[in-house]
Amino acid sequence: MAAAKGTMPPNAGKGRKPGTPNKFTIEIKSMVEQALQQAGGVKYLAQQAEDNPAAFLALVGKLVPRDLNHRVTETPGGFLVEFSSGQGVGEVQGARADH
């Protein structure tokens, strides 16, 4: 039976709070973190940056904030990315891939 006009169903508004992560998303992130640790963690990512720079930079591009201020400088044999955001400053250096 439908609720009377002007009233709300008894469970209206009892869903998840805004910003609450989906359980599946949390589980996938956990699995990715575990796989990264098993593959070698930071050393593995550093090796991927050298071996597969395009894929590594695509990953970095998905993780950095949208409001990131950055500057890319070409260096002999590579590049330097300097960046800053509301959370701090840093830099990333990489080697140019010879294709």
N, C-alpha and C. Protein backbone atom coordinates (compact mmCIF):
# COMPACT_ATOMS: atom_id res chain seq x y z
N MET A 1 0.84 -1.17 0.00
CA MET A 1 0.00 0.00 0.00
C MET A 1 0.89 1.24 0.00
N ALA A 2 0.58 2.19 -0.78
CA ALA A 2 1.36 3.41 -0.91
C ALA A 2 1.16 4.30 0.32
N ALA A 3 2.19 5.11 0.60
CA ALA A 3 2.10 6.06 1.72
C ALA A 3 1.08 7.14 1.38
N ALA A 4 0.43 7.65 2.41
CA ALA A 4 -0.56 8.71 2.21
C ALA A 4 0.12 9.93 1.61
N LYS A 5 -0.65 10.68 0.83
CA LYS A 5 -0.13 11.87 0.19
C LYS A 5 0.43 12.84 1.23
N GLY A 6 1.68 13.32 0.97
CA GLY A 6 2.31 14.26 1.90
C GLY A 6 3.13 13.58 2.98
N THR A 7 3.20 12.26 3.00
CA THR A 7 4.03 11.55 3.99
C THR A 7 5.11 10.78 3.24
N MET A 8 6.09 10.34 4.00
CA MET A 8 7.19 9.58 3.40
C MET A 8 7.15 8.15 3.92
N PRO A 9 7.63 7.20 3.11
CA PRO A 9 7.71 5.82 3.59
C PRO A 9 8.55 5.75 4.86
N PRO A 10 8.33 4.74 5.70
CA PRO A 10 9.02 4.67 6.99
C PRO A 10 10.55 4.57 6.91
N ASN A 11 11.10 4.03 5.82
CA ASN A 11 12.56 3.88 5.72
C ASN A 11 13.21 4.95 4.85
N ALA A 12 12.47 5.95 4.46
CA ALA A 12 13.01 7.01 3.61
C ALA A 12 14.16 7.72 4.32
N GLY A 13 15.28 7.90 3.62
CA GLY A 13 16.40 8.63 4.17
C GLY A 13 17.31 7.81 5.07
N LYS A 14 17.09 6.50 5.15
CA LYS A 14 17.91 5.67 6.04
C LYS A 14 19.04 4.96 5.31
N GLY A 15 19.37 5.42 4.11
CA GLY A 15 20.46 4.80 3.35
C GLY A 15 21.81 5.19 3.91
N ARG A 16 22.86 4.84 3.15
CA ARG A 16 24.22 5.21 3.57
C ARG A 16 24.37 6.72 3.59
N LYS A 17 25.21 7.19 4.49
CA LYS A 17 25.51 8.61 4.55
C LYS A 17 26.34 9.00 3.33
N PRO A 18 26.18 10.24 2.83
CA PRO A 18 26.98 10.67 1.69
C PRO A 18 28.48 10.54 1.98
N GLY A 19 29.22 10.06 0.97
CA GLY A 19 30.66 9.91 1.11
C GLY A 19 31.09 8.56 1.67
N THR A 20 30.13 7.75 2.10
CA THR A 20 30.47 6.42 2.62
C THR A 20 30.92 5.55 1.46
N PRO A 21 32.15 4.98 1.53
CA PRO A 21 32.64 4.17 0.41
C PRO A 21 31.83 2.88 0.25
N ASN A 22 31.72 2.44 -0.97
CA ASN A 22 31.06 1.19 -1.30
C ASN A 22 31.91 0.04 -0.75
N LYS A 23 31.28 -0.99 -0.19
CA LYS A 23 32.00 -2.13 0.39
C LYS A 23 32.88 -2.81 -0.66
N PHE A 24 32.37 -2.96 -1.86
CA PHE A 24 33.13 -3.59 -2.93
C PHE A 24 34.39 -2.79 -3.26
N THR A 25 34.27 -1.46 -3.32
CA THR A 25 35.42 -0.60 -3.60
C THR A 25 36.49 -0.77 -2.53
N ILE A 26 36.08 -0.82 -1.27
CA ILE A 26 37.03 -1.01 -0.17
C ILE A 26 37.76 -2.34 -0.31
N GLU A 27 37.02 -3.39 -0.66
CA GLU A 27 37.63 -4.72 -0.81
C GLU A 27 38.62 -4.75 -1.97
N ILE A 28 38.27 -4.13 -3.09
CA ILE A 28 39.18 -4.10 -4.25
C ILE A 28 40.45 -3.33 -3.91
N LYS A 29 40.31 -2.17 -3.26
CA LYS A 29 41.49 -1.40 -2.87
C LYS A 29 42.39 -2.21 -1.96
N SER A 30 41.81 -2.94 -1.03
CA SER A 30 42.60 -3.77 -0.13
C SER A 30 43.36 -4.85 -0.89
N MET A 31 42.70 -5.48 -1.86
CA MET A 31 43.36 -6.52 -2.66
C MET A 31 44.51 -5.93 -3.47
N VAL A 32 44.32 -4.75 -4.05
CA VAL A 32 45.37 -4.11 -4.83
C VAL A 32 46.56 -3.77 -3.94
N GLU A 33 46.29 -3.26 -2.74
CA GLU A 33 47.36 -2.95 -1.79
C GLU A 33 48.14 -4.21 -1.42
N GLN A 34 47.44 -5.32 -1.18
CA GLN A 34 48.11 -6.57 -0.83
C GLN A 34 48.96 -7.08 -1.99
N ALA A 35 48.40 -7.00 -3.20
CA ALA A 35 49.15 -7.45 -4.38
C ALA A 35 50.40 -6.60 -4.59
N LEU A 36 50.28 -5.29 -4.38
CA LEU A 36 51.43 -4.40 -4.52
C LEU A 36 52.52 -4.77 -3.50
N GLN A 37 52.14 -5.03 -2.27
CA GLN A 37 53.12 -5.41 -1.26
C GLN A 37 53.80 -6.73 -1.62
N GLN A 38 53.04 -7.70 -2.13
CA GLN A 38 53.61 -8.99 -2.53
C GLN A 38 54.56 -8.84 -3.73
N ALA A 39 54.27 -7.86 -4.60
CA ALA A 39 55.10 -7.65 -5.79
C ALA A 39 56.38 -6.88 -5.47
N GLY A 40 56.48 -6.28 -4.29
CA GLY A 40 57.70 -5.57 -3.92
C GLY A 40 57.49 -4.13 -3.49
N GLY A 41 56.26 -3.68 -3.44
CA GLY A 41 55.97 -2.34 -2.92
C GLY A 41 56.62 -1.23 -3.72
N VAL A 42 57.31 -0.35 -3.03
CA VAL A 42 57.93 0.83 -3.65
C VAL A 42 58.96 0.42 -4.70
N LYS A 43 59.76 -0.59 -4.42
CA LYS A 43 60.77 -1.04 -5.39
C LYS A 43 60.10 -1.48 -6.69
N TYR A 44 58.98 -2.19 -6.57
CA TYR A 44 58.25 -2.64 -7.76
C TYR A 44 57.74 -1.44 -8.57
N LEU A 45 57.15 -0.46 -7.88
CA LEU A 45 56.64 0.72 -8.57
C LEU A 45 57.77 1.49 -9.24
N ALA A 46 58.91 1.60 -8.58
CA ALA A 46 60.05 2.30 -9.17
C ALA A 46 60.53 1.57 -10.42
N GLN A 47 60.54 0.26 -10.38
CA GLN A 47 60.94 -0.52 -11.56
C GLN A 47 59.95 -0.33 -12.69
N GLN A 48 58.66 -0.29 -12.36
CA GLN A 48 57.64 -0.07 -13.38
C GLN A 48 57.77 1.31 -14.01
N ALA A 49 58.17 2.30 -13.20
CA ALA A 49 58.37 3.65 -13.73
C ALA A 49 59.46 3.65 -14.80
N GLU A 50 60.48 2.82 -14.61
CA GLU A 50 61.55 2.73 -15.60
C GLU A 50 61.16 1.86 -16.79
N ASP A 51 60.55 0.70 -16.50
CA ASP A 51 60.22 -0.25 -17.56
C ASP A 51 59.00 0.15 -18.39
N ASN A 52 58.02 0.76 -17.75
CA ASN A 52 56.75 1.11 -18.40
C ASN A 52 56.34 2.53 -18.03
N PRO A 53 57.10 3.53 -18.47
CA PRO A 53 56.81 4.90 -18.02
C PRO A 53 55.42 5.40 -18.41
N ALA A 54 54.91 5.02 -19.57
CA ALA A 54 53.58 5.50 -19.97
C ALA A 54 52.51 4.97 -19.01
N ALA A 55 52.58 3.69 -18.71
CA ALA A 55 51.59 3.10 -17.79
C ALA A 55 51.75 3.67 -16.38
N PHE A 56 53.00 3.86 -15.96
CA PHE A 56 53.23 4.40 -14.62
C PHE A 56 52.69 5.82 -14.51
N LEU A 57 52.95 6.64 -15.51
CA LEU A 57 52.47 8.02 -15.48
C LEU A 57 50.95 8.09 -15.60
N ALA A 58 50.34 7.14 -16.30
CA ALA A 58 48.88 7.08 -16.35
C ALA A 58 48.32 6.80 -14.95
N LEU A 59 48.98 5.91 -14.22
CA LEU A 59 48.57 5.62 -12.85
C LEU A 59 48.73 6.86 -11.97
N VAL A 60 49.86 7.52 -12.08
CA VAL A 60 50.10 8.74 -11.30
C VAL A 60 49.03 9.78 -11.62
N GLY A 61 48.70 9.91 -12.90
CA GLY A 61 47.69 10.86 -13.32
C GLY A 61 46.33 10.62 -12.71
N LYS A 62 46.01 9.37 -12.40
CA LYS A 62 44.73 9.05 -11.78
C LYS A 62 44.75 9.29 -10.28
N LEU A 63 45.92 9.39 -9.69
CA LEU A 63 46.02 9.52 -8.24
C LEU A 63 46.25 10.94 -7.74
N VAL A 64 46.79 11.80 -8.58
CA VAL A 64 47.10 13.16 -8.13
C VAL A 64 45.83 14.00 -8.09
N PRO A 65 45.78 14.98 -7.21
CA PRO A 65 44.59 15.84 -7.14
C PRO A 65 44.39 16.62 -8.44
N ARG A 66 43.15 16.91 -8.74
CA ARG A 66 42.82 17.66 -9.97
C ARG A 66 43.35 19.09 -9.91
N ASP A 67 43.49 19.64 -8.71
CA ASP A 67 43.93 21.03 -8.58
C ASP A 67 45.44 21.14 -8.38
N LEU A 68 46.16 20.16 -8.84
CA LEU A 68 47.61 20.12 -8.67
C LEU A 68 48.28 21.14 -9.59
N ASN A 69 49.15 21.95 -9.02
CA ASN A 69 49.98 22.85 -9.81
C ASN A 69 51.27 22.10 -10.14
N HIS A 70 51.67 22.08 -11.39
CA HIS A 70 52.86 21.31 -11.75
C HIS A 70 53.63 22.00 -12.87
N ARG A 71 54.89 21.56 -12.98
CA ARG A 71 55.76 22.04 -14.05
C ARG A 71 56.62 20.85 -14.48
N VAL A 72 56.63 20.57 -15.78
CA VAL A 72 57.44 19.48 -16.33
C VAL A 72 58.64 20.09 -17.03
N THR A 73 59.84 19.65 -16.66
CA THR A 73 61.08 20.15 -17.24
C THR A 73 61.82 18.98 -17.87
N GLU A 74 62.23 19.15 -19.11
CA GLU A 74 63.02 18.12 -19.77
C GLU A 74 64.44 18.20 -19.25
N THR A 75 65.03 17.06 -18.93
CA THR A 75 66.40 16.99 -18.45
C THR A 75 67.19 16.08 -19.39
N PRO A 76 68.50 16.13 -19.33
CA PRO A 76 69.29 15.22 -20.18
C PRO A 76 68.91 13.77 -19.88
N GLY A 77 68.31 13.11 -20.83
CA GLY A 77 67.95 11.71 -20.67
C GLY A 77 66.66 11.47 -19.92
N GLY A 78 65.89 12.49 -19.61
CA GLY A 78 64.67 12.24 -18.86
C GLY A 78 63.81 13.46 -18.66
N PHE A 79 63.15 13.51 -17.53
CA PHE A 79 62.26 14.62 -17.22
C PHE A 79 62.18 14.81 -15.72
N LEU A 80 61.70 15.97 -15.31
CA LEU A 80 61.48 16.29 -13.90
C LEU A 80 60.10 16.93 -13.81
N VAL A 81 59.28 16.39 -12.92
CA VAL A 81 57.97 16.98 -12.67
C VAL A 81 57.99 17.54 -11.26
N GLU A 82 57.78 18.85 -11.14
CA GLU A 82 57.70 19.50 -9.84
C GLU A 82 56.23 19.83 -9.62
N PHE A 83 55.73 19.58 -8.41
CA PHE A 83 54.31 19.81 -8.18
C PHE A 83 54.06 20.35 -6.79
N SER A 84 52.92 21.01 -6.66
CA SER A 84 52.48 21.49 -5.36
C SER A 84 50.96 21.47 -5.33
N SER A 85 50.42 21.26 -4.16
CA SER A 85 48.98 21.28 -3.97
C SER A 85 48.74 21.75 -2.55
N GLY A 86 47.50 21.71 -2.13
CA GLY A 86 47.18 22.10 -0.77
C GLY A 86 47.78 21.16 0.27
N GLN A 87 48.28 20.01 -0.18
CA GLN A 87 48.82 19.02 0.75
C GLN A 87 50.34 19.00 0.79
N GLY A 88 51.00 19.85 0.03
CA GLY A 88 52.46 19.89 0.09
C GLY A 88 53.08 20.03 -1.28
N VAL A 89 54.40 19.87 -1.32
CA VAL A 89 55.16 19.99 -2.56
C VAL A 89 56.01 18.75 -2.75
N GLY A 90 56.47 18.52 -3.97
CA GLY A 90 57.34 17.38 -4.23
C GLY A 90 57.82 17.40 -5.65
N GLU A 91 58.56 16.35 -6.01
CA GLU A 91 59.04 16.22 -7.38
C GLU A 91 59.20 14.76 -7.73
N VAL A 92 59.13 14.48 -9.03
CA VAL A 92 59.30 13.13 -9.55
C VAL A 92 60.26 13.24 -10.72
N GLN A 93 61.26 12.37 -10.75
CA GLN A 93 62.21 12.34 -11.87
C GLN A 93 62.00 11.03 -12.61
N GLY A 94 62.20 11.06 -13.91
CA GLY A 94 62.04 9.84 -14.70
C GLY A 94 63.00 9.84 -15.87
N ALA A 95 63.26 8.64 -16.37
CA ALA A 95 64.15 8.47 -17.51
C ALA A 95 63.32 8.45 -18.78
N ARG A 96 63.88 8.98 -19.85
CA ARG A 96 63.20 8.95 -21.14
C ARG A 96 63.31 7.54 -21.67
N ALA A 97 62.19 7.01 -22.15
CA ALA A 97 62.19 5.67 -22.73
C ALA A 97 62.64 5.75 -24.17
N ASP A 98 63.56 4.90 -24.57
CA ASP A 98 64.01 4.85 -25.96
C ASP A 98 63.16 3.82 -26.71
N HIS A 99 62.32 4.33 -27.59
CA HIS A 99 61.43 3.43 -28.35
C HIS A 99 61.79 3.51 -29.80
